[in-house]
Amino acid sequence: MASGEGIALVDRDEQGVDRAFRADVLEGLRQPQKAIPARWLYDDAGSQLFEDITQVEEYYPTRAETEILRTRGGEFADAIGPGRAVVEFGSGSSVKTPLLLEAIEPAAYVPLDIAGDFLRAAAEDLSAKFPGLPVHPVEADFMREVALPDAAAATPKLGFFPGSTIGNMVPRTAVDLLRTMRATLGAGSMLLIGMDLIKDPAVLEAAYDDAAGVTAEFNLNLARRINRELGGTIPVDKLRHIARWNDDFARIEMHLEAQTDMRFEVAGESFALAKGETIHTENSHKFSRRSSNALLLAGEWTPVKRWKDAEGRFSLILAEATIARSAP
């Protein structure tokens, strides 16, 4: 069952504003190429919009990853073993999580997410599906090391990071996050992580700019959130969602493009966008076997096993916390 209301670790000021959100937005808007870290797309409204994205026809990653989880349960059980506390980073609605929990006989489930109300509602739903499983939701920014609940701290852990969220980060930030995850989970832990694979750019661009406009609403919601939480005056109706493939960096980029010259304020600071200028809101890097291995090893995780869906579009990789060595 869920443990009360969960643990809230988000640092807010006296007005209830997330200090990290404000700092990241202001710093990003001051740059020549304006950019905001993708994690801020996921307030409660953004999290729900992302769940809607996973249902659109063009967005294949969720279906591909779910196929792996549904069909390879026995292999997960053999590779991971029973009795681990599953710590899910950025748990969202935990749609995929029951498939993993059913396969591996965990000791506990600890979902971490920055969207607190969404997190706690999802934790309650999962508790109802697994009435004998201790569930300990933690509202936290998992980009920083998180102190896990005492009830799970001494248990061997499996980190779960599905959805290729790691691809949203530039390599330096991704490596930092992987090392932070290792610090949160501790020695002897394992990590099951999703990574999307390189494929036809037309397929990729359609997945991030669906015909129904759900992804556009998800992207525009960030501007609405800034207006709501940080006293912003961004003219949202003058912004356009764009998604494009950057082959040099093997990634899809999402931007909010100004359709006209504009000036606006955020948290008392003034900013401007010229027509055609963009705010870069998300990257979604795509991986090969070699690049995924290199990223994990740099983040202090050693890949031990991987799975793909039947069409070879997506991979789930199991890694072990690398044991520190003083020499090659």
Protein backbone atom coordinates (compact mmCIF):
# COMPACT_ATOMS: atom_id res chain seq x y z
CA MET A 1 0.00 0.00 0.00
CA ALA A 2 1.06 3.58 -0.46
CA SER A 3 2.80 5.22 2.46
CA GLY A 4 0.66 8.23 3.34
CA GLU A 5 1.05 11.22 1.06
CA GLY A 6 4.61 10.45 0.00
CA ILE A 7 7.75 12.45 0.70
CA ALA A 8 7.94 15.95 -0.81
CA LEU A 9 11.50 17.10 -1.48
CA VAL A 10 10.91 19.92 -3.97
CA ASP A 11 12.43 23.22 -2.77
CA ARG A 12 9.77 25.94 -2.94
CA ASP A 13 9.87 29.57 -1.86
CA GLU A 14 7.36 31.29 0.40
CA GLN A 15 4.99 31.76 -2.56
CA GLY A 16 5.16 28.06 -3.37
CA VAL A 17 7.28 28.55 -6.52
CA ASP A 18 9.73 25.76 -7.37
CA ARG A 19 13.08 27.52 -7.04
CA ALA A 20 14.84 25.19 -9.49
CA PHE A 21 12.12 25.74 -12.12
CA ARG A 22 12.46 29.52 -11.87
CA ALA A 23 16.26 29.39 -11.96
CA ASP A 24 16.36 27.11 -15.02
CA VAL A 25 13.79 29.15 -16.95
CA LEU A 26 15.47 32.49 -16.27
CA GLU A 27 18.93 31.14 -17.07
CA GLY A 28 17.67 29.51 -20.25
CA LEU A 29 15.88 32.61 -21.50
CA ARG A 30 19.03 34.71 -21.01
CA GLN A 31 20.99 32.59 -23.51
CA PRO A 32 21.54 33.54 -27.20
CA GLN A 33 19.75 30.28 -28.14
CA LYS A 34 17.00 30.27 -25.57
CA ALA A 35 16.51 26.82 -24.05
CA ILE A 36 14.69 25.28 -21.10
CA PRO A 37 15.46 21.80 -19.68
CA ALA A 38 12.94 19.23 -20.89
CA ARG A 39 12.07 18.01 -17.40
CA TRP A 40 9.99 21.18 -16.88
CA LEU A 41 7.57 20.02 -19.56
CA TYR A 42 6.18 17.60 -16.96
CA ASP A 43 3.93 19.46 -14.58
CA ASP A 44 0.61 17.71 -13.88
CA ALA A 45 -0.91 18.98 -17.14
CA GLY A 46 2.22 18.14 -19.10
CA SER A 47 2.38 14.66 -17.61
CA GLN A 48 -1.21 14.01 -18.67
CA LEU A 49 -0.52 15.37 -22.15
CA PHE A 50 2.47 13.06 -22.45
CA GLU A 51 0.24 10.11 -21.55
CA ASP A 52 -2.03 11.26 -24.38
CA ILE A 53 0.98 11.38 -26.74
CA THR A 54 1.71 7.73 -26.03
CA GLN A 55 -1.68 6.86 -27.52
CA VAL A 56 -1.31 8.66 -30.86
CA GLU A 57 -0.67 6.55 -33.93
CA GLU A 58 2.65 8.11 -34.86
CA TYR A 59 4.26 7.69 -31.44
CA TYR A 60 5.77 4.18 -31.55
CA PRO A 61 8.17 4.14 -28.50
CA THR A 62 5.56 3.31 -25.86
CA ARG A 63 4.06 0.48 -27.91
CA ALA A 64 7.49 -0.93 -28.70
CA GLU A 65 8.67 -0.78 -25.10
CA THR A 66 5.41 -2.24 -23.80
CA GLU A 67 5.80 -5.13 -26.25
CA ILE A 68 9.21 -5.93 -24.77
CA LEU A 69 7.86 -5.80 -21.21
CA ARG A 70 4.88 -8.00 -22.07
CA THR A 71 6.81 -10.69 -23.93
CA ARG A 72 10.11 -10.95 -22.03
CA GLY A 73 8.93 -11.18 -18.43
CA GLY A 74 10.62 -14.53 -17.80
CA GLU A 75 13.92 -13.19 -19.07
CA PHE A 76 13.65 -10.14 -16.81
CA ALA A 77 12.97 -12.40 -13.83
CA ASP A 78 16.01 -14.55 -14.59
CA ALA A 79 18.34 -11.59 -15.13
CA ILE A 80 17.17 -9.43 -12.21
CA GLY A 81 15.98 -11.93 -9.61
CA PRO A 82 13.37 -11.40 -6.86
CA GLY A 83 13.45 -9.21 -3.78
CA ARG A 84 14.68 -5.89 -5.13
CA ALA A 85 13.11 -2.51 -4.41
CA VAL A 86 12.13 -1.03 -7.76
CA VAL A 87 12.96 2.69 -7.86
CA GLU A 88 11.35 4.35 -10.88
CA PHE A 89 12.81 7.68 -11.98
CA GLY A 90 10.15 9.99 -13.40
CA SER A 91 7.39 7.48 -12.84
CA GLY A 92 4.55 9.50 -14.39
CA SER A 93 1.42 7.35 -14.41
CA SER A 94 3.44 4.13 -14.04
CA VAL A 95 1.59 2.53 -16.97
CA LYS A 96 4.47 0.22 -17.88
CA THR A 97 5.49 -0.52 -14.33
CA PRO A 98 2.93 -3.26 -13.54
CA LEU A 99 4.36 -5.38 -16.35
CA LEU A 100 7.78 -5.27 -14.71
CA LEU A 101 6.48 -5.75 -11.17
CA GLU A 102 4.48 -8.79 -12.22
CA ALA A 103 7.61 -10.38 -13.67
CA ILE A 104 10.26 -9.92 -10.96
CA GLU A 105 8.64 -10.28 -7.50
CA PRO A 106 9.91 -6.99 -6.03
CA ALA A 107 10.21 -6.19 -2.32
CA ALA A 108 8.91 -2.62 -2.69
CA TYR A 109 8.18 0.08 -5.26
CA VAL A 110 9.49 3.65 -4.92
CA PRO A 111 8.23 6.01 -7.66
CA LEU A 112 10.08 9.33 -7.94
CA ASP A 113 8.51 12.22 -9.84
CA ILE A 114 8.52 16.01 -9.76
CA ALA A 115 4.76 16.23 -10.53
CA GLY A 116 3.47 15.51 -7.04
CA ASP A 117 -0.29 15.25 -7.50
CA PHE A 118 0.14 13.10 -10.60
CA LEU A 119 2.67 10.94 -8.73
CA ARG A 120 0.47 10.29 -5.72
CA ALA A 121 -2.60 9.48 -7.82
CA ALA A 122 -0.58 6.99 -9.84
CA ALA A 123 0.88 5.46 -6.67
CA GLU A 124 -2.62 4.92 -5.27
CA ASP A 125 -3.71 3.24 -8.50
CA LEU A 126 -0.71 0.95 -8.45
CA SER A 127 -1.25 0.10 -4.78
CA ALA A 128 -4.74 -1.08 -5.69
CA LYS A 129 -3.28 -3.38 -8.37
CA PHE A 130 -0.63 -4.78 -6.00
CA PRO A 131 -2.23 -4.72 -2.53
CA GLY A 132 0.62 -6.67 -0.92
CA LEU A 133 3.41 -4.48 -2.29
CA PRO A 134 4.77 -1.58 -0.20
CA VAL A 135 4.64 1.59 -2.32
CA HIS A 136 6.54 4.69 -1.21
CA PRO A 137 6.04 7.69 -3.54
CA VAL A 138 8.68 10.42 -3.35
CA GLU A 139 8.10 13.87 -4.86
CA ALA A 140 11.59 14.89 -5.92
CA ASP A 141 13.78 16.15 -8.73
CA PHE A 142 15.62 12.95 -9.62
CA MET A 143 18.32 14.94 -11.44
CA ARG A 144 19.79 15.30 -7.96
CA GLU A 145 20.66 12.50 -5.53
CA VAL A 146 17.53 11.44 -3.62
CA ALA A 147 17.43 10.02 -0.09
CA LEU A 148 15.16 7.00 -0.39
CA PRO A 149 12.57 6.09 2.28
CA ASP A 150 13.99 4.15 5.23
CA ALA A 151 11.74 1.21 4.39
CA ALA A 152 13.57 0.69 1.09
CA ALA A 153 17.04 2.04 1.88
CA ALA A 154 18.60 -1.25 2.95
CA THR A 155 17.02 -3.37 0.19
CA PRO A 156 18.91 -4.26 -3.02
CA LYS A 157 17.59 -1.95 -5.71
CA LEU A 158 16.60 -1.95 -9.36
CA GLY A 159 16.38 1.46 -10.97
CA PHE A 160 13.73 1.67 -13.69
CA PHE A 161 14.00 4.46 -16.27
CA PRO A 162 11.72 3.58 -19.20
CA GLY A 163 10.62 5.67 -22.15
CA SER A 164 14.05 6.77 -23.42
CA THR A 165 13.91 9.84 -21.18
CA ILE A 166 17.71 9.62 -21.04
CA GLY A 167 17.60 10.70 -24.69
CA ASN A 168 16.14 14.06 -23.68
CA MET A 169 19.52 15.09 -22.28
CA VAL A 170 22.73 16.18 -23.92
CA PRO A 171 25.51 13.64 -23.25
CA ARG A 172 27.11 15.60 -20.39
CA THR A 173 23.79 15.90 -18.54
CA ALA A 174 22.89 12.28 -19.28
CA VAL A 175 26.18 11.09 -17.80
CA ASP A 176 25.65 13.28 -14.73
CA LEU A 177 22.17 11.81 -14.29
CA LEU A 178 23.38 8.23 -14.62
CA ARG A 179 26.00 8.89 -11.95
CA THR A 180 23.36 10.51 -9.74
CA MET A 181 21.16 7.43 -10.19
CA ARG A 182 24.06 5.23 -9.14
CA ALA A 183 24.54 7.39 -6.02
CA THR A 184 20.80 7.21 -5.22
CA LEU A 185 20.60 3.43 -5.71
CA GLY A 186 23.95 2.47 -4.20
CA ALA A 187 26.50 -0.26 -4.75
CA GLY A 188 25.19 -3.59 -6.00
CA SER A 189 22.20 -2.00 -7.70
CA MET A 190 20.91 -2.62 -11.21
CA LEU A 191 19.31 -0.30 -13.76
CA LEU A 192 16.74 -1.14 -16.44
CA ILE A 193 16.72 1.74 -18.92
CA GLY A 194 14.92 2.44 -22.18
CA MET A 195 16.77 3.84 -25.20
CA ASP A 196 15.19 4.62 -28.57
CA LEU A 197 17.12 3.53 -31.67
CA ILE A 198 18.21 5.45 -34.76
CA LYS A 199 15.81 5.00 -37.69
CA ASP A 200 14.24 6.76 -40.69
CA PRO A 201 14.09 10.52 -39.90
CA ALA A 202 10.56 10.74 -41.38
CA VAL A 203 9.33 8.20 -38.81
CA LEU A 204 11.05 10.12 -36.03
CA GLU A 205 9.74 13.54 -37.04
CA ALA A 206 6.17 12.23 -37.30
CA ALA A 207 6.44 10.72 -33.81
CA TYR A 208 7.23 14.17 -32.38
CA ASP A 209 4.81 16.20 -34.50
CA ASP A 210 1.64 14.12 -34.70
CA ALA A 211 -1.20 15.06 -37.02
CA ALA A 212 -3.64 15.55 -34.13
CA GLY A 213 -1.41 18.19 -32.53
CA VAL A 214 -1.10 16.50 -29.14
CA THR A 215 2.68 16.95 -29.03
CA ALA A 216 2.25 20.59 -30.00
CA GLU A 217 -0.05 21.10 -27.00
CA PHE A 218 2.49 19.32 -24.78
CA ASN A 219 5.22 21.70 -25.92
CA LEU A 220 3.05 24.83 -25.68
CA ASN A 221 2.00 23.80 -22.17
CA LEU A 222 5.50 24.72 -21.01
CA ALA A 223 4.88 28.36 -21.96
CA ARG A 224 1.51 28.25 -20.21
CA ARG A 225 3.17 26.83 -17.10
CA ILE A 226 5.75 29.62 -17.10
CA ASN A 227 2.97 32.19 -17.34
CA ARG A 228 1.00 30.56 -14.54
CA GLU A 229 3.77 29.75 -12.06
CA LEU A 230 6.35 32.46 -12.76
CA GLY A 231 4.14 35.46 -13.55
CA GLY A 232 4.98 35.21 -17.23
CA THR A 233 3.40 37.18 -20.05
CA ILE A 234 4.47 34.96 -22.96
CA PRO A 235 1.96 35.30 -25.86
CA VAL A 236 1.38 31.55 -26.24
CA ASP A 237 -0.89 32.01 -29.26
CA LYS A 238 2.05 33.53 -31.13
CA LEU A 239 4.26 30.45 -30.66
CA ARG A 240 4.44 27.41 -32.95
CA HIS A 241 5.63 23.89 -32.12
CA ILE A 242 8.29 22.50 -34.44
CA ALA A 243 10.16 19.16 -34.41
CA ARG A 244 13.19 18.46 -36.60
CA TRP A 245 15.86 15.79 -37.01
CA ASN A 246 19.46 16.87 -36.35
CA ASP A 247 21.60 14.19 -37.97
CA ASP A 248 24.91 15.54 -36.64
CA PHE A 249 23.74 14.93 -33.07
CA ALA A 250 21.43 11.95 -33.82
CA ARG A 251 18.47 13.62 -32.19
CA ILE A 252 15.00 15.06 -32.68
CA GLU A 253 14.79 18.65 -31.46
CA MET A 254 11.60 20.33 -30.26
CA HIS A 255 11.34 24.12 -30.33
CA LEU A 256 8.77 26.83 -29.71
CA GLU A 257 9.10 29.25 -32.63
CA ALA A 258 8.00 32.89 -32.49
CA GLN A 259 5.56 33.72 -35.29
CA THR A 260 6.10 37.45 -34.79
CA ASP A 261 8.45 39.74 -32.87
CA MET A 262 7.49 39.64 -29.21
CA ARG A 263 8.44 40.95 -25.79
CA PHE A 264 7.41 39.38 -22.51
CA GLU A 265 8.28 39.12 -18.83
CA VAL A 266 9.03 36.15 -16.60
CA ALA A 267 9.53 36.51 -12.82
CA GLY A 268 10.01 40.26 -13.27
CA GLU A 269 12.67 40.01 -16.00
CA SER A 270 12.11 41.22 -19.58
CA PHE A 271 12.86 39.10 -22.64
CA ALA A 272 12.35 39.31 -26.40
CA LEU A 273 12.04 36.91 -29.33
CA ALA A 274 12.39 37.96 -32.95
CA LYS A 275 10.14 36.38 -35.56
CA GLY A 276 11.55 32.95 -36.38
CA GLU A 277 13.64 32.76 -33.19
CA THR A 278 13.03 29.73 -30.99
CA ILE A 279 13.06 28.45 -27.46
CA HIS A 280 14.67 24.99 -27.54
CA THR A 281 12.56 22.81 -25.23
CA GLU A 282 13.55 19.19 -25.79
CA ASN A 283 16.07 16.87 -27.39
CA SER A 284 15.36 13.21 -28.02
CA HIS A 285 18.63 11.48 -28.81
CA LYS A 286 18.52 8.16 -30.63
CA PHE A 287 21.10 5.46 -30.03
CA SER A 288 23.08 2.66 -31.60
CA ARG A 289 24.42 -0.29 -29.62
CA ARG A 290 27.83 1.35 -29.36
CA SER A 291 26.60 4.80 -28.35
CA SER A 292 24.26 3.37 -25.70
CA ASN A 293 27.09 1.28 -24.24
CA ALA A 294 29.45 4.27 -24.20
CA LEU A 295 26.88 6.45 -22.41
CA LEU A 296 26.14 3.86 -19.74
CA LEU A 297 29.81 3.13 -19.09
CA ALA A 298 30.55 6.85 -18.73
CA GLY A 299 27.71 7.02 -16.21
CA GLU A 300 29.23 4.21 -14.09
CA TRP A 301 26.89 1.46 -15.27
CA THR A 302 28.01 -1.73 -17.03
CA PRO A 303 25.54 -3.11 -19.64
CA VAL A 304 24.84 -6.81 -19.12
CA LYS A 305 21.76 -7.57 -21.27
CA ARG A 306 19.50 -5.88 -23.82
CA TRP A 307 16.17 -6.53 -25.48
CA LYS A 308 14.51 -5.09 -28.62
CA ASP A 309 10.93 -5.12 -29.89
CA ALA A 310 10.11 -7.31 -32.91
CA GLU A 311 10.66 -4.43 -35.38
CA GLY A 312 13.97 -3.38 -33.82
CA ARG A 313 12.78 0.13 -33.05
CA PHE A 314 13.46 0.37 -29.33
CA SER A 315 15.71 -1.22 -26.70
CA LEU A 316 15.58 -1.95 -22.97
CA ILE A 317 19.03 -2.36 -21.44
CA LEU A 318 19.90 -3.94 -18.09
CA ALA A 319 23.05 -2.63 -16.45
CA GLU A 320 24.89 -3.18 -13.18
CA ALA A 321 26.47 -0.50 -11.00
CA THR A 322 30.10 -0.46 -12.08
CA ILE A 323 32.56 -1.47 -9.38
CA ALA A 324 35.20 1.22 -8.93
CA ARG A 325 38.64 0.24 -10.20
CA SER A 326 41.98 1.97 -9.90
CA ALA A 327 43.35 0.56 -13.17
CA PRO A 328 42.09 -0.83 -16.50
